[in-house]
Amino acid sequence: MATDFRRKEQLPELTDRIVESYHEIGTIHHLGHCPLPSTDAVIQITEDLKEVIFPGYRRRQNLHMGNVTYHVGDLIDSLHDRLTQQIARALRHAYDLEHGIQCGERDGVDFEREGQAKAIAFLEALPNIRRLVASDAEAALDGDPAARSVDEIIFCYPGLEA
């Protein structure tokens, strides 16, 4: 497959037309505003939460009771910081929409503090969430005669992660 590099000469003009459309169609871009929550960050947070809820089943292998405290502590510390940031971004965006303003125009509202409070409250709920998920896994095992173990439920049942 050969690339005709002469055709690439059209790309600067195409780029200009696309950027011009950002001026014409302002409803589907988020330029010049405070950052929204990051899709990539939220996906990574979700993966780390699965690691906390299902230790030893996901990315990190060879966990045992002697090292799990360090592993989970590192995850929780990182989750705290990232959840705080992403929640603060969501709160800031909601505030801006509600008040019809843009980034930088608000009166001393501390979104980081509120984001941190919500992040801590969520992280504090994780032990109870684990209890509920364990109960759901047991119920799935009891309700499926083909299932042989909770391990199988955790590995194979997508509804458990939902």
Protein backbone atom coordinates (compact mmCIF):
# COMPACT_ATOMS: atom_id res chain seq x y z
CA MET A 1 0.00 0.00 0.00
CA ALA A 2 1.69 3.17 -1.20
CA THR A 3 0.84 6.57 0.18
CA ASP A 4 0.61 9.42 -2.29
CA PHE A 5 2.30 12.16 -0.30
CA ARG A 6 1.05 14.80 -2.71
CA ARG A 7 -2.46 14.10 -1.43
CA LYS A 8 -1.27 15.00 2.06
CA GLU A 9 -0.86 18.58 0.85
CA GLN A 10 -4.64 18.87 1.27
CA LEU A 11 -4.46 18.21 5.00
CA PRO A 12 -3.63 21.75 6.20
CA GLU A 13 -6.67 23.17 4.37
CA LEU A 14 -8.83 20.33 5.68
CA THR A 15 -7.58 21.03 9.19
CA ASP A 16 -8.48 24.72 8.81
CA ARG A 17 -12.01 23.82 7.67
CA ILE A 18 -12.48 21.48 10.62
CA VAL A 19 -11.28 24.11 13.10
CA GLU A 20 -13.52 26.70 11.42
CA SER A 21 -16.46 24.37 12.05
CA TYR A 22 -15.67 24.63 15.77
CA HIS A 23 -16.53 28.33 15.53
CA GLU A 24 -19.68 27.66 13.51
CA ILE A 25 -20.93 24.72 15.57
CA GLY A 26 -20.26 25.57 19.19
CA THR A 27 -22.60 23.02 20.69
CA ILE A 28 -20.37 19.98 20.33
CA HIS A 29 -16.99 21.11 21.60
CA HIS A 30 -15.66 21.88 25.04
CA LEU A 31 -12.88 24.33 24.20
CA GLY A 32 -11.83 27.13 26.52
CA HIS A 33 -13.63 25.68 29.52
CA CYS A 34 -12.45 23.94 32.67
CA PRO A 35 -11.53 20.32 32.00
CA LEU A 36 -14.29 17.74 32.12
CA PRO A 37 -13.78 14.44 33.89
CA SER A 38 -11.36 12.36 31.86
CA THR A 39 -12.78 9.23 30.26
CA ASP A 40 -9.36 7.57 30.45
CA ALA A 41 -8.98 8.46 34.14
CA VAL A 42 -12.45 7.13 34.96
CA ILE A 43 -11.69 3.85 33.16
CA GLN A 44 -8.43 3.51 35.10
CA ILE A 45 -10.24 4.29 38.36
CA THR A 46 -12.80 1.60 37.54
CA GLU A 47 -10.04 -0.94 36.87
CA ASP A 48 -8.33 -0.07 40.17
CA LEU A 49 -11.64 -0.39 42.03
CA LYS A 50 -12.07 -3.89 40.58
CA GLU A 51 -8.57 -4.67 41.87
CA VAL A 52 -9.63 -3.55 45.37
CA ILE A 53 -12.95 -5.40 45.27
CA PHE A 54 -11.52 -8.58 43.73
CA PRO A 55 -7.89 -8.78 44.97
CA GLY A 56 -5.89 -11.46 43.20
CA TYR A 57 -8.43 -11.88 40.39
CA ARG A 58 -7.35 -9.04 38.15
CA ARG A 59 -4.03 -7.47 37.27
CA ARG A 60 -1.89 -8.18 40.32
CA GLN A 61 -1.16 -11.83 40.98
CA ASN A 62 0.70 -13.46 43.89
CA LEU A 63 -1.10 -11.44 46.52
CA HIS A 64 -1.32 -12.86 50.02
CA MET A 65 -2.29 -11.56 53.44
CA GLY A 66 1.33 -10.49 54.04
CA ASN A 67 1.47 -8.04 51.12
CA VAL A 68 -2.14 -7.18 50.37
CA THR A 69 -2.14 -4.26 52.83
CA TYR A 70 0.63 -2.54 50.88
CA HIS A 71 -1.02 -3.23 47.54
CA VAL A 72 -4.46 -2.04 48.61
CA GLY A 73 -3.00 0.94 50.49
CA ASP A 74 -1.22 2.09 47.35
CA LEU A 75 -4.40 1.67 45.30
CA ILE A 76 -6.56 3.51 47.85
CA ASP A 77 -4.10 6.42 48.06
CA SER A 78 -4.04 6.73 44.28
CA LEU A 79 -7.81 6.27 44.01
CA HIS A 80 -8.33 9.03 46.57
CA ASP A 81 -6.32 11.52 44.55
CA ARG A 82 -7.81 10.62 41.18
CA LEU A 83 -11.39 10.38 42.45
CA THR A 84 -11.01 13.75 44.16
CA GLN A 85 -9.82 15.34 40.92
CA GLN A 86 -12.44 13.74 38.68
CA ILE A 87 -15.32 14.44 41.09
CA ALA A 88 -14.15 18.05 41.46
CA ARG A 89 -14.16 18.41 37.67
CA ALA A 90 -17.70 17.03 37.48
CA LEU A 91 -18.89 19.34 40.28
CA ARG A 92 -17.23 22.34 38.64
CA HIS A 93 -18.85 21.56 35.31
CA ALA A 94 -22.29 21.09 36.89
CA TYR A 95 -21.88 24.40 38.75
CA ASP A 96 -20.86 26.19 35.57
CA LEU A 97 -23.88 24.82 33.69
CA GLU A 98 -26.27 25.68 36.51
CA HIS A 99 -24.97 29.24 36.81
CA GLY A 100 -24.26 29.90 33.13
CA ILE A 101 -20.61 30.72 33.71
CA GLN A 102 -17.25 29.50 32.50
CA CYS A 103 -14.09 28.42 34.20
CA GLY A 104 -12.56 31.05 36.44
CA GLU A 105 -15.69 33.16 36.99
CA ARG A 106 -16.94 31.62 40.25
CA ASP A 107 -16.77 33.03 43.77
CA GLY A 108 -14.45 30.95 45.93
CA VAL A 109 -16.29 27.64 45.56
CA ASP A 110 -13.93 24.88 46.71
CA PHE A 111 -14.71 21.98 44.39
CA GLU A 112 -11.58 20.10 45.46
CA ARG A 113 -12.75 20.01 49.07
CA GLU A 114 -16.21 18.79 48.09
CA GLY A 115 -14.67 16.30 45.65
CA GLN A 116 -12.40 14.97 48.38
CA ALA A 117 -15.31 14.57 50.81
CA LYS A 118 -17.26 12.60 48.21
CA ALA A 119 -14.21 10.51 47.29
CA ILE A 120 -13.59 9.62 50.96
CA ALA A 121 -17.27 8.75 51.48
CA PHE A 122 -17.17 6.47 48.45
CA LEU A 123 -13.91 4.79 49.49
CA GLU A 124 -15.31 4.25 52.99
CA ALA A 125 -18.23 2.37 51.42
CA LEU A 126 -15.92 -0.18 49.74
CA PRO A 127 -15.97 -2.76 52.59
CA ASN A 128 -19.78 -2.84 52.44
CA ILE A 129 -19.73 -2.91 48.65
CA ARG A 130 -17.42 -5.96 48.87
CA ARG A 131 -19.91 -7.64 51.22
CA LEU A 132 -22.74 -7.02 48.75
CA VAL A 133 -20.69 -8.26 45.80
CA ALA A 134 -19.73 -11.41 47.74
CA SER A 135 -23.40 -12.01 48.49
CA ASP A 136 -24.25 -11.51 44.80
CA ALA A 137 -21.52 -13.96 43.78
CA GLU A 138 -22.84 -16.58 46.22
CA ALA A 139 -26.39 -16.04 44.95
CA ALA A 140 -25.22 -16.44 41.34
CA LEU A 141 -23.44 -19.67 42.29
CA ASP A 142 -26.51 -20.99 44.11
CA GLY A 143 -28.77 -20.04 41.20
CA ASP A 144 -26.72 -21.57 38.41
CA PRO A 145 -26.42 -25.35 38.50
CA ALA A 146 -23.71 -25.21 35.81
CA ALA A 147 -21.46 -22.93 37.88
CA ARG A 148 -18.89 -24.78 39.97
CA SER A 149 -17.27 -22.06 42.08
CA VAL A 150 -17.31 -18.43 43.11
CA ASP A 151 -14.07 -18.08 41.12
CA GLU A 152 -15.97 -19.03 37.99
CA ILE A 153 -18.67 -16.49 38.81
CA ILE A 154 -16.10 -13.71 39.30
CA PHE A 155 -14.22 -14.58 36.11
CA CYS A 156 -17.16 -15.27 33.82
CA TYR A 157 -20.28 -13.37 34.93
CA PRO A 158 -20.26 -9.86 33.45
CA GLY A 159 -23.29 -8.93 35.58
CA LEU A 160 -21.17 -9.18 38.70
CA GLU A 161 -19.07 -6.22 37.57
CA ALA A 162 -22.12 -4.20 36.62
